[in-house]
PDB file of N, CA and C in Angstrom:
ATOM      1  N   MET A   1     121.077 107.153  92.306  1.00  0.00           N
ATOM      2  CA  MET A   1     121.166 108.472  92.897  1.00  0.00           C
ATOM      3  C   MET A   1     119.716 108.039  93.618  1.00  0.00           C
ATOM      4  N   ASN A   2     119.463 108.600  95.107  1.00  0.00           N
ATOM      5  CA  ASN A   2     118.686 108.271  95.919  1.00  0.00           C
ATOM      6  C   ASN A   2     117.384 109.382  95.165  1.00  0.00           C
ATOM      7  N   TYR A   3     115.922 108.972  95.578  1.00  0.00           N
ATOM      8  CA  TYR A   3     114.954 109.795  95.505  1.00  0.00           C
ATOM      9  C   TYR A   3     114.529 109.684  96.912  1.00  0.00           C
ATOM     10  N   TYR A   4     114.064 111.143  97.168  1.00  0.00           N
ATOM     11  CA  TYR A   4     113.412 111.067  98.513  1.00  0.00           C
ATOM     12  C   TYR A   4     112.079 111.558  98.516  1.00  0.00           C
ATOM     13  N   LEU A   5     111.164 111.479  99.592  1.00  0.00           N
ATOM     14  CA  LEU A   5     109.785 111.854 100.009  1.00  0.00           C
ATOM     15  C   LEU A   5     110.123 112.800 101.013  1.00  0.00           C
ATOM     16  N   ILE A   6     109.538 113.904 101.038  1.00  0.00           N
ATOM     17  CA  ILE A   6     109.782 115.125 102.363  1.00  0.00           C
ATOM     18  C   ILE A   6     107.865 114.861 102.831  1.00  0.00           C
ATOM     19  N   ASP A   7     108.136 114.540 104.113  1.00  0.00           N
ATOM     20  CA  ASP A   7     106.620 114.818 104.865  1.00  0.00           C
ATOM     21  C   ASP A   7     106.587 116.018 105.346  1.00  0.00           C
ATOM     22  N   VAL A   8     105.375 115.659 105.324  1.00  0.00           N
ATOM     23  CA  VAL A   8     104.681 117.580 105.570  1.00  0.00           C
ATOM     24  C   VAL A   8     105.317 117.951 106.998  1.00  0.00           C
ATOM     25  N   ASN A   9     105.846 117.733 107.719  1.00  0.00           N
ATOM     26  CA  ASN A   9     106.736 118.333 108.772  1.00  0.00           C
ATOM     27  C   ASN A   9     107.696 118.745 108.548  1.00  0.00           C
ATOM     28  N   LEU A  10     108.250 118.885 107.506  1.00  0.00           N
ATOM     29  CA  LEU A  10     109.609 119.437 107.060  1.00  0.00           C
ATOM     30  C   LEU A  10     109.261 120.574 105.885  1.00  0.00           C
ATOM     31  N   PRO A  11     109.954 121.928 105.982  1.00  0.00           N
ATOM     32  CA  PRO A  11     109.845 122.884 105.044  1.00  0.00           C
ATOM     33  C   PRO A  11     110.061 122.490 103.515  1.00  0.00           C
ATOM     34  N   LYS A  12     109.355 123.151 102.615  1.00  0.00           N
ATOM     35  CA  LYS A  12     109.486 122.351 101.196  1.00  0.00           C
ATOM     36  C   LYS A  12     110.232 123.202 100.583  1.00  0.00           C
ATOM     37  N   PHE A  13     110.781 124.738 100.991  1.00  0.00           N
ATOM     38  CA  PHE A  13     111.370 125.750 100.586  1.00  0.00           C
ATOM     39  C   PHE A  13     113.136 125.662 100.514  1.00  0.00           C
ATOM     40  N   PHE A  14     113.525 124.924 101.446  1.00  0.00           N
ATOM     41  CA  PHE A  14     115.236 124.536 101.496  1.00  0.00           C
ATOM     42  C   PHE A  14     115.420 124.340 100.002  1.00  0.00           C
ATOM     43  N   GLY A  15     116.746 125.097  99.612  1.00  0.00           N
ATOM     44  CA  GLY A  15     117.172 125.160  98.285  1.00  0.00           C
ATOM     45  C   GLY A  15     117.483 123.675  97.887  1.00  0.00           C
ATOM     46  N   PHE A  16     118.071 122.482  99.115  1.00  0.00           N
ATOM     47  CA  PHE A  16     118.408 121.255  98.514  1.00  0.00           C
ATOM     48  C   PHE A  16     117.527 120.593  98.140  1.00  0.00           C
ATOM     49  N   PHE A  17     116.534 120.728  98.525  1.00  0.00           N
ATOM     50  CA  PHE A  17     115.416 120.056  98.417  1.00  0.00           C
ATOM     51  C   PHE A  17     114.761 120.060  97.107  1.00  0.00           C
ATOM     52  N   ASN A  18     114.947 121.503  96.591  1.00  0.00           N
ATOM     53  CA  ASN A  18     114.431 121.626  95.208  1.00  0.00           C
ATOM     54  C   ASN A  18     115.480 120.921  94.139  1.00  0.00           C
ATOM     55  N   LYS A  19     114.937 119.891  93.803  1.00  0.00           N
ATOM     56  CA  LYS A  19     116.151 119.005  92.736  1.00  0.00           C
ATOM     57  C   LYS A  19     115.048 117.979  92.434  1.00  0.00           C
ATOM     58  N   GLU A  20     115.374 117.435  91.418  1.00  0.00           N
ATOM     59  CA  GLU A  20     114.714 116.680  90.507  1.00  0.00           C
ATOM     60  C   GLU A  20     114.475 115.320  91.459  1.00  0.00           C
ATOM     61  N   ASN A  21     114.985 114.930  92.431  1.00  0.00           N
ATOM     62  CA  ASN A  21     115.071 113.806  93.061  1.00  0.00           C
ATOM     63  C   ASN A  21     114.435 113.683  94.648  1.00  0.00           C
ATOM     64  N   PHE A  22     113.561 115.046  94.668  1.00  0.00           N
ATOM     65  CA  PHE A  22     112.865 115.349  95.849  1.00  0.00           C
ATOM     66  C   PHE A  22     111.600 115.046  95.393  1.00  0.00           C
ATOM     67  N   SER A  23     110.594 115.251  96.448  1.00  0.00           N
ATOM     68  CA  SER A  23     109.475 115.028  95.971  1.00  0.00           C
ATOM     69  C   SER A  23     108.637 115.141  97.564  1.00  0.00           C
ATOM     70  N   PHE A  24     107.267 115.682  97.233  1.00  0.00           N
ATOM     71  CA  PHE A  24     106.857 116.438  98.766  1.00  0.00           C
ATOM     72  C   PHE A  24     105.594 115.795  98.821  1.00  0.00           C
ATOM     73  N   VAL A  25     105.346 115.196 100.275  1.00  0.00           N
ATOM     74  CA  VAL A  25     103.909 114.614 100.331  1.00  0.00           C
ATOM     75  C   VAL A  25     102.700 115.893  99.932  1.00  0.00           C
ATOM     76  N   VAL A  26     103.004 116.970 100.091  1.00  0.00           N
ATOM     77  CA  VAL A  26     102.270 118.257 100.186  1.00  0.00           C
ATOM     78  C   VAL A  26     101.590 118.076  98.431  1.00  0.00           C
ATOM     79  N   ASP A  27     102.448 117.645  97.889  1.00  0.00           N
ATOM     80  CA  ASP A  27     102.599 117.875  96.156  1.00  0.00           C
ATOM     81  C   ASP A  27     101.720 116.361  95.607  1.00  0.00           C
ATOM     82  N   ILE A  28     101.701 115.717  96.419  1.00  0.00           N
ATOM     83  CA  ILE A  28     101.390 114.315  96.023  1.00  0.00           C
ATOM     84  C   ILE A  28      99.715 114.415  96.448  1.00  0.00           C
ATOM     85  N   ASP A  29      99.422 114.376  98.219  1.00  0.00           N
ATOM     86  CA  ASP A  29      98.088 114.604  98.462  1.00  0.00           C
ATOM     87  C   ASP A  29      98.359 114.964  99.817  1.00  0.00           C
ATOM     88  N   LEU A  30      97.983 116.361 100.160  1.00  0.00           N
ATOM     89  CA  LEU A  30      98.019 116.339 101.447  1.00  0.00           C
ATOM     90  C   LEU A  30      97.508 115.717 102.587  1.00  0.00           C
ATOM     91  N   GLN A  31      96.200 115.213 102.089  1.00  0.00           N
ATOM     92  CA  GLN A  31      95.683 114.138 102.898  1.00  0.00           C
ATOM     93  C   GLN A  31      96.220 112.728 103.139  1.00  0.00           C
ATOM     94  N   LEU A  32      97.054 112.735 102.442  1.00  0.00           N
ATOM     95  CA  LEU A  32      97.940 111.311 102.509  1.00  0.00           C
ATOM     96  C   LEU A  32      97.747 110.589 103.913  1.00  0.00           C
ATOM     97  N   SER A  33      97.533 109.363 104.469  1.00  0.00           N
ATOM     98  CA  SER A  33      97.721 108.831 105.945  1.00  0.00           C
ATOM     99  C   SER A  33      99.148 108.267 105.987  1.00  0.00           C
ATOM    100  N   ASP A  34      99.850 108.015 106.934  1.00  0.00           N
ATOM    101  CA  ASP A  34     101.100 107.686 107.034  1.00  0.00           C
ATOM    102  C   ASP A  34     101.085 106.226 106.697  1.00  0.00           C
ATOM    103  N   THR A  35      99.880 105.440 106.447  1.00  0.00           N
ATOM    104  CA  THR A  35     100.031 104.251 105.918  1.00  0.00           C
ATOM    105  C   THR A  35     100.298 104.399 104.190  1.00  0.00           C
ATOM    106  N   GLU A  36      99.546 105.265 103.702  1.00  0.00           N
ATOM    107  CA  GLU A  36      99.307 105.779 102.443  1.00  0.00           C
ATOM    108  C   GLU A  36     100.773 106.272 101.671  1.00  0.00           C
ATOM    109  N   ILE A  37     101.679 107.118 102.826  1.00  0.00           N
ATOM    110  CA  ILE A  37     102.877 107.727 102.663  1.00  0.00           C
ATOM    111  C   ILE A  37     103.912 106.480 102.406  1.00  0.00           C
ATOM    112  N   TRP A  38     103.623 105.577 103.477  1.00  0.00           N
ATOM    113  CA  TRP A  38     104.537 104.159 103.635  1.00  0.00           C
ATOM    114  C   TRP A  38     104.710 103.643 102.502  1.00  0.00           C
ATOM    115  N   GLU A  39     103.238 103.160 101.736  1.00  0.00           N
ATOM    116  CA  GLU A  39     103.130 102.405 100.734  1.00  0.00           C
ATOM    117  C   GLU A  39     103.714 103.401  99.328  1.00  0.00           C
ATOM    118  N   TYR A  40     103.251 104.509  99.335  1.00  0.00           N
ATOM    119  CA  TYR A  40     103.737 105.005  98.219  1.00  0.00           C
ATOM    120  C   TYR A  40     105.340 105.266  98.119  1.00  0.00           C
ATOM    121  N   ALA A  41     106.022 105.291  99.214  1.00  0.00           N
ATOM    122  CA  ALA A  41     107.482 105.055  99.174  1.00  0.00           C
ATOM    123  C   ALA A  41     108.239 103.779  98.991  1.00  0.00           C
ATOM    124  N   ILE A  42     107.261 102.998  99.116  1.00  0.00           N
ATOM    125  CA  ILE A  42     107.763 101.441  98.802  1.00  0.00           C
ATOM    126  C   ILE A  42     107.600 101.101  97.409  1.00  0.00           C
ATOM    127  N   LYS A  43     106.500 101.875  96.841  1.00  0.00           N
ATOM    128  CA  LYS A  43     106.367 101.412  95.787  1.00  0.00           C
ATOM    129  C   LYS A  43     106.864 102.217  94.538  1.00  0.00           C
ATOM    130  N   ASN A  44     107.140 103.638  95.079  1.00  0.00           N
ATOM    131  CA  ASN A  44     108.129 104.394  94.215  1.00  0.00           C
ATOM    132  C   ASN A  44     109.544 104.430  94.492  1.00  0.00           C
ATOM    133  N   ASN A  45     110.430 103.841  95.185  1.00  0.00           N
ATOM    134  CA  ASN A  45     111.318 103.360  95.827  1.00  0.00           C
ATOM    135  C   ASN A  45     112.038 104.857  96.185  1.00  0.00           C
ATOM    136  N   LYS A  46     111.254 105.381  97.001  1.00  0.00           N
ATOM    137  CA  LYS A  46     111.935 106.862  97.759  1.00  0.00           C
ATOM    138  C   LYS A  46     112.150 106.364  99.646  1.00  0.00           C
ATOM    139  N   ILE A  47     112.685 107.588  99.722  1.00  0.00           N
ATOM    140  CA  ILE A  47     113.286 107.377 100.823  1.00  0.00           C
ATOM    141  C   ILE A  47     112.763 108.486 102.001  1.00  0.00           C
ATOM    142  N   ILE A  48     111.772 108.235 102.803  1.00  0.00           N
ATOM    143  CA  ILE A  48     111.375 109.207 103.533  1.00  0.00           C
ATOM    144  C   ILE A  48     111.913 109.618 104.417  1.00  0.00           C
ATOM    145  N   VAL A  49     111.854 111.208 104.476  1.00  0.00           N
ATOM    146  CA  VAL A  49     112.682 112.184 105.068  1.00  0.00           C
ATOM    147  C   VAL A  49     111.281 112.825 106.185  1.00  0.00           C
ATOM    148  N   THR A  50     111.730 112.271 107.490  1.00  0.00           N
ATOM    149  CA  THR A  50     110.394 112.996 108.431  1.00  0.00           C
ATOM    150  C   THR A  50     111.010 113.178 109.623  1.00  0.00           C
ATOM    151  N   LYS A  51     110.472 113.871 110.421  1.00  0.00           N
ATOM    152  CA  LYS A  51     110.352 114.129 112.067  1.00  0.00           C
ATOM    153  C   LYS A  51     109.647 113.614 112.773  1.00  0.00           C
ATOM    154  N   ASP A  52     108.431 112.920 112.011  1.00  0.00           N
ATOM    155  CA  ASP A  52     107.313 112.048 112.729  1.00  0.00           C
ATOM    156  C   ASP A  52     108.107 110.700 113.312  1.00  0.00           C
ATOM    157  N   THR A  53     107.755 110.776 114.708  1.00  0.00           N
ATOM    158  CA  THR A  53     107.743 109.524 115.309  1.00  0.00           C
ATOM    159  C   THR A  53     107.190 108.320 114.995  1.00  0.00           C
ATOM    160  N   ASP A  54     105.803 108.466 114.136  1.00  0.00           N
ATOM    161  CA  ASP A  54     105.225 107.199 113.749  1.00  0.00           C
ATOM    162  C   ASP A  54     105.913 106.431 112.836  1.00  0.00           C
ATOM    163  N   PHE A  55     106.715 106.954 111.809  1.00  0.00           N
ATOM    164  CA  PHE A  55     107.422 106.260 110.811  1.00  0.00           C
ATOM    165  C   PHE A  55     108.551 105.132 111.354  1.00  0.00           C
ATOM    166  N   TYR A  56     109.256 106.135 112.654  1.00  0.00           N
ATOM    167  CA  TYR A  56     110.147 105.347 113.107  1.00  0.00           C
ATOM    168  C   TYR A  56     109.609 104.141 113.907  1.00  0.00           C
ATOM    169  N   ASP A  57     108.543 104.149 114.437  1.00  0.00           N
ATOM    170  CA  ASP A  57     107.799 102.876 115.567  1.00  0.00           C
ATOM    171  C   ASP A  57     107.601 102.179 114.301  1.00  0.00           C
ATOM    172  N   ARG A  58     106.775 102.426 112.926  1.00  0.00           N
ATOM    173  CA  ARG A  58     106.605 101.817 111.924  1.00  0.00           C
ATOM    174  C   ARG A  58     107.723 100.773 111.323  1.00  0.00           C
ATOM    175  N   TYR A  59     108.504 101.309 111.053  1.00  0.00           N
ATOM    176  CA  TYR A  59     110.214 100.686 110.889  1.00  0.00           C
ATOM    177  C   TYR A  59     110.283  99.651 111.451  1.00  0.00           C
ATOM    178  N   LEU A  60     110.261  99.917 113.118  1.00  0.00           N
ATOM    179  CA  LEU A  60     110.983  98.869 113.810  1.00  0.00           C
ATOM    180  C   LEU A  60     109.860  97.449 113.518  1.00  0.00           C
ATOM    181  N   ILE A  61     108.552  97.595 113.267  1.00  0.00           N
ATOM    182  CA  ILE A  61     107.779  96.692 113.613  1.00  0.00           C
ATOM    183  C   ILE A  61     107.543  96.096 112.103  1.00  0.00           C
ATOM    184  N   SER A  62     107.857  96.524 111.316  1.00  0.00           N
ATOM    185  CA  SER A  62     107.355  96.180 109.769  1.00  0.00           C
ATOM    186  C   SER A  62     108.322  95.444 109.302  1.00  0.00           C
ATOM    187  N   GLU A  63     107.993  94.610 108.477  1.00  0.00           N
ATOM    188  CA  GLU A  63     108.752  93.492 107.422  1.00  0.00           C
ATOM    189  C   GLU A  63     108.885  94.266 106.050  1.00  0.00           C
ATOM    190  N   GLN A  64     108.257  94.250 105.407  1.00  0.00           N
ATOM    191  CA  GLN A  64     108.456  95.560 104.283  1.00  0.00           C
ATOM    192  C   GLN A  64     108.367  97.030 104.478  1.00  0.00           C
ATOM    193  N   LYS A  65     109.181  97.525 104.297  1.00  0.00           N
ATOM    194  CA  LYS A  65     109.955  98.805 104.583  1.00  0.00           C
ATOM    195  C   LYS A  65     110.583  99.671 103.763  1.00  0.00           C
ATOM    196  N   PRO A  66     110.523 100.979 103.550  1.00  0.00           N
ATOM    197  CA  PRO A  66     111.277 101.837 102.974  1.00  0.00           C
ATOM    198  C   PRO A  66     112.415 102.101 103.836  1.00  0.00           C
ATOM    199  N   LYS A  67     113.253 102.769 103.226  1.00  0.00           N
ATOM    200  CA  LYS A  67     113.852 103.811 103.817  1.00  0.00           C
ATOM    201  C   LYS A  67     113.911 105.057 104.448  1.00  0.00           C
ATOM    202  N   ILE A  68     114.330 105.214 105.776  1.00  0.00           N
ATOM    203  CA  ILE A  68     113.931 106.180 106.443  1.00  0.00           C
ATOM    204  C   ILE A  68     114.885 107.116 106.931  1.00  0.00           C
ATOM    205  N   ILE A  69     114.415 108.484 107.050  1.00  0.00           N
ATOM    206  CA  ILE A  69     115.572 109.521 107.529  1.00  0.00           C
ATOM    207  C   ILE A  69     114.755 110.061 108.743  1.00  0.00           C
ATOM    208  N   PHE A  70     115.537 109.720 110.145  1.00  0.00           N
ATOM    209  CA  PHE A  70     114.047 110.339 110.728  1.00  0.00           C
ATOM    210  C   PHE A  70     114.968 111.470 111.531  1.00  0.00           C
ATOM    211  N   MET A  71     114.383 112.457 111.466  1.00  0.00           N
ATOM    212  CA  MET A  71     115.133 113.854 111.999  1.00  0.00           C
ATOM    213  C   MET A  71     114.442 114.139 113.003  1.00  0.00           C
ATOM    214  N   GLN A  72     115.345 113.425 114.010  1.00  0.00           N
ATOM    215  CA  GLN A  72     115.222 113.831 115.596  1.00  0.00           C
ATOM    216  C   GLN A  72     115.921 114.942 116.371  1.00  0.00           C
ATOM    217  N   LEU A  73     115.449 116.047 115.818  1.00  0.00           N
ATOM    218  CA  LEU A  73     116.165 116.983 116.140  1.00  0.00           C
ATOM    219  C   LEU A  73     115.277 117.913 117.308  1.00  0.00           C
ATOM    220  N   GLY A  74     114.256 117.494 117.675  1.00  0.00           N
ATOM    221  CA  GLY A  74     113.489 118.375 118.598  1.00  0.00           C
ATOM    222  C   GLY A  74     113.301 120.061 118.124  1.00  0.00           C
ATOM    223  N   ASN A  75     113.016 120.677 119.005  1.00  0.00           N
ATOM    224  CA  ASN A  75     112.604 122.012 118.544  1.00  0.00           C
ATOM    225  C   ASN A  75     113.430 122.807 117.922  1.00  0.00           C
ATOM    226  N   MET A  76     113.753 123.614 116.549  1.00  0.00           N
ATOM    227  CA  MET A  76     114.412 124.404 115.821  1.00  0.00           C
ATOM    228  C   MET A  76     113.647 125.515 115.515  1.00  0.00           C
ATOM    229  N   SER A  77     114.360 126.155 115.208  1.00  0.00           N
ATOM    230  CA  SER A  77     113.753 127.746 114.645  1.00  0.00           C
ATOM    231  C   SER A  77     114.133 126.987 112.730  1.00  0.00           C
ATOM    232  N   LEU A  78     113.535 127.693 111.781  1.00  0.00           N
ATOM    233  CA  LEU A  78     113.902 127.277 110.299  1.00  0.00           C
ATOM    234  C   LEU A  78     115.128 127.852 110.050  1.00  0.00           C
ATOM    235  N   LYS A  79     115.538 129.022 110.447  1.00  0.00           N
ATOM    236  CA  LYS A  79     117.412 128.975 110.246  1.00  0.00           C
ATOM    237  C   LYS A  79     118.046 127.844 110.730  1.00  0.00           C
ATOM    238  N   GLU A  80     117.897 127.595 111.985  1.00  0.00           N
ATOM    239  CA  GLU A  80     118.742 126.526 112.547  1.00  0.00           C
ATOM    240  C   GLU A  80     118.489 125.108 112.005  1.00  0.00           C
ATOM    241  N   LEU A  81     117.198 125.117 111.527  1.00  0.00           N
ATOM    242  CA  LEU A  81     116.897 123.729 110.642  1.00  0.00           C
ATOM    243  C   LEU A  81     117.795 123.589 109.351  1.00  0.00           C
ATOM    244  N   HIS A  82     117.417 124.873 108.832  1.00  0.00           N
ATOM    245  CA  HIS A  82     118.134 124.702 107.436  1.00  0.00           C
ATOM    246  C   HIS A  82     119.574 124.554 107.505  1.00  0.00           C
ATOM    247  N   GLN A  83     120.470 125.563 108.694  1.00  0.00           N
ATOM    248  CA  GLN A  83     121.849 125.361 108.931  1.00  0.00           C
ATOM    249  C   GLN A  83     122.070 123.980 109.196  1.00  0.00           C
ATOM    250  N   TYR A  84     121.641 123.072 109.738  1.00  0.00           N
ATOM    251  CA  TYR A  84     121.528 121.645 110.150  1.00  0.00           C
ATOM    252  C   TYR A  84     121.923 121.055 109.004  1.00  0.00           C
ATOM    253  N   PHE A  85     120.595 120.878 108.245  1.00  0.00           N
ATOM    254  CA  PHE A  85     120.783 120.697 106.686  1.00  0.00           C
ATOM    255  C   PHE A  85     121.952 120.856 105.706  1.00  0.00           C
ATOM    256  N   GLU A  86     122.590 122.167 105.858  1.00  0.00           N
ATOM    257  CA  GLU A  86     123.400 122.674 105.035  1.00  0.00           C
ATOM    258  C   GLU A  86     124.584 121.950 105.527  1.00  0.00           C
ATOM    259  N   GLN A  87     124.739 121.657 106.736  1.00  0.00           N
ATOM    260  CA  GLN A  87     125.917 121.328 107.481  1.00  0.00           C
ATOM    261  C   GLN A  87     125.906 119.707 107.545  1.00  0.00           C
ATOM    262  N   ASN A  88     124.736 119.064 107.250  1.00  0.00           N
ATOM    263  CA  ASN A  88     124.773 117.563 107.546  1.00  0.00           C
ATOM    264  C   ASN A  88     124.145 116.775 106.440  1.00  0.00           C
ATOM    265  N   TRP A  89     123.779 117.516 105.872  1.00  0.00           N
ATOM    266  CA  TRP A  89     122.974 116.735 104.601  1.00  0.00           C
ATOM    267  C   TRP A  89     124.079 115.513 103.775  1.00  0.00           C
ATOM    268  N   ALA A  90     124.871 116.067 103.530  1.00  0.00           N
ATOM    269  CA  ALA A  90     125.937 114.868 102.790  1.00  0.00           C
ATOM    270  C   ALA A  90     126.593 113.477 103.519  1.00  0.00           C
ATOM    271  N   VAL A  91     126.301 113.742 104.615  1.00  0.00           N
ATOM    272  CA  VAL A  91     126.734 112.562 105.902  1.00  0.00           C
ATOM    273  C   VAL A  91     125.502 111.849 105.921  1.00  0.00           C
ATOM    274  N   ILE A  92     124.241 112.505 105.905  1.00  0.00           N
ATOM    275  CA  ILE A  92     122.929 111.909 106.089  1.00  0.00           C
ATOM    276  C   ILE A  92     122.865 110.931 104.647  1.00  0.00           C
ATOM    277  N   GLU A  93     122.966 111.397 103.957  1.00  0.00           N
ATOM    278  CA  GLU A  93     123.186 110.866 102.269  1.00  0.00           C
ATOM    279  C   GLU A  93     123.789 109.508 102.019  1.00  0.00           C
ATOM    280  N   ARG A  94     125.176 109.647 102.805  1.00  0.00           N
ATOM    281  CA  ARG A  94     126.207 108.538 103.176  1.00  0.00           C
ATOM    282  C   ARG A  94     125.753 107.687 104.175  1.00  0.00           C
ATOM    283  N   GLU A  95     125.092 107.864 104.667  1.00  0.00           N
ATOM    284  CA  GLU A  95     124.698 107.103 105.849  1.00  0.00           C
ATOM    285  C   GLU A  95     123.629 106.344 105.377  1.00  0.00           C
ATOM    286  N   ILE A  96     122.643 106.598 104.387  1.00  0.00           N
ATOM    287  CA  ILE A  96     121.144 105.999 104.087  1.00  0.00           C
ATOM    288  C   ILE A  96     121.861 105.338 102.837  1.00  0.00           C
ATOM    289  N   GLU A  97     122.916 105.478 102.280  1.00  0.00           N
ATOM    290  CA  GLU A  97     123.254 104.563 100.907  1.00  0.00           C
ATOM    291  C   GLU A  97     124.030 102.845 101.932  1.00  0.00           C
ATOM    292  N   LYS A  98     124.668 103.743 103.119  1.00  0.00           N
ATOM    293  CA  LYS A  98     124.793 102.046 103.727  1.00  0.00           C
ATOM    294  C   LYS A  98     124.075 101.277 104.327  1.00  0.00           C
ATOM    295  N   GLY A  99     122.998 102.008 104.836  1.00  0.00           N
ATOM    296  CA  GLY A  99     121.894 101.229 105.934  1.00  0.00           C
ATOM    297  C   GLY A  99     120.750 101.801 105.372  1.00  0.00           C
ATOM    298  N   SER A 100     119.484 101.351 106.280  1.00  0.00           N
ATOM    299  CA  SER A 100     118.056 101.136 105.786  1.00  0.00           C
ATOM    300  C   SER A 100     117.288 102.468 106.888  1.00  0.00           C
ATOM    301  N   LEU A 101     117.671 102.754 108.219  1.00  0.00           N
ATOM    302  CA  LEU A 101     117.357 103.852 108.991  1.00  0.00           C
ATOM    303  C   LEU A 101     118.412 104.718 109.289  1.00  0.00           C
ATOM    304  N   VAL A 102     118.315 106.144 109.133  1.00  0.00           N
ATOM    305  CA  VAL A 102     118.997 106.924 109.513  1.00  0.00           C
ATOM    306  C   VAL A 102     118.447 108.040 110.810  1.00  0.00           C
ATOM    307  N   ILE A 103     119.023 108.166 111.938  1.00  0.00           N
ATOM    308  CA  ILE A 103     118.427 108.809 112.725  1.00  0.00           C
ATOM    309  C   ILE A 103     119.456 110.141 112.730  1.00  0.00           C
ATOM    310  N   ALA A 104     118.965 111.232 112.462  1.00  0.00           N
ATOM    311  CA  ALA A 104     119.890 112.470 112.579  1.00  0.00           C
ATOM    312  C   ALA A 104     119.447 113.307 113.725  1.00  0.00           C
ATOM    313  N   LYS A 105     120.540 113.471 114.648  1.00  0.00           N
ATOM    314  CA  LYS A 105     120.195 114.389 116.075  1.00  0.00           C
ATOM    315  C   LYS A 105     121.025 115.427 116.029  1.00  0.00           C
ATOM    316  N   ARG A 106     120.903 116.354 116.881  1.00  0.00           N
ATOM    317  CA  ARG A 106     121.528 117.258 116.823  1.00  0.00           C
ATOM    318  C   ARG A 106     123.202 117.232 117.263  1.00  0.00           C
ATOM    319  N   THR A 107     123.445 116.455 117.799  1.00  0.00           N
ATOM    320  CA  THR A 107     124.835 116.062 117.924  1.00  0.00           C
ATOM    321  C   THR A 107     125.427 114.724 117.334  1.00  0.00           C
ATOM    322  N   HIS A 108     124.608 114.044 116.587  1.00  0.00           N
ATOM    323  CA  HIS A 108     125.607 112.900 116.079  1.00  0.00           C
ATOM    324  C   HIS A 108     124.357 112.412 115.043  1.00  0.00           C
ATOM    325  N   ILE A 109     124.962 111.512 114.148  1.00  0.00           N
ATOM    326  CA  ILE A 109     123.876 111.028 113.227  1.00  0.00           C
ATOM    327  C   ILE A 109     124.330 109.014 113.039  1.00  0.00           C
ATOM    328  N   GLN A 110     123.033 108.613 113.244  1.00  0.00           N
ATOM    329  CA  GLN A 110     123.006 107.105 113.912  1.00  0.00           C
ATOM    330  C   GLN A 110     122.370 106.693 112.457  1.00  0.00           C
ATOM    331  N   ARG A 111     123.318 105.490 112.077  1.00  0.00           N
ATOM    332  CA  ARG A 111     122.878 104.350 111.203  1.00  0.00           C
ATOM    333  C   ARG A 111     122.627 103.146 111.259  1.00  0.00           C
ATOM    334  N   PHE A 112     121.807 102.454 110.968  1.00  0.00           N
ATOM    335  CA  PHE A 112     121.002 101.410 111.435  1.00  0.00           C
ATOM    336  C   PHE A 112     120.873 100.563 109.393  1.00  0.00           C
ATOM    337  N   GLU A 113     121.280  98.934 109.912  1.00  0.00           N
ATOM    338  CA  GLU A 113     121.112  98.285 108.698  1.00  0.00           C
ATOM    339  C   GLU A 113     119.671  97.900 108.757  1.00  0.00           C
TER     340      GLU A 113
END
């Protein structure tokens, strides 16, 4: 089972996030820096789920890195975002199993090794 760390830029109240394998930065410490989130994910074997490009950029240059799911969706209403997750989460989960970075876009999902 994968364990996910949901960044502060994603809503906590989506039903599929409310399972035992999901934790939230806001519940750990809202004041955590990106570096602290990064290190926490590595130490605790968590996959970071984020809309923050800083994590993507750090992923590209770091030697030691957690798995990242980068939600590159642009502006969406909460309803649209919820619908996106409902329709695509199973695919995103399968892709992160095979790779270390998944970029989820409106039109497609990309996996990188």
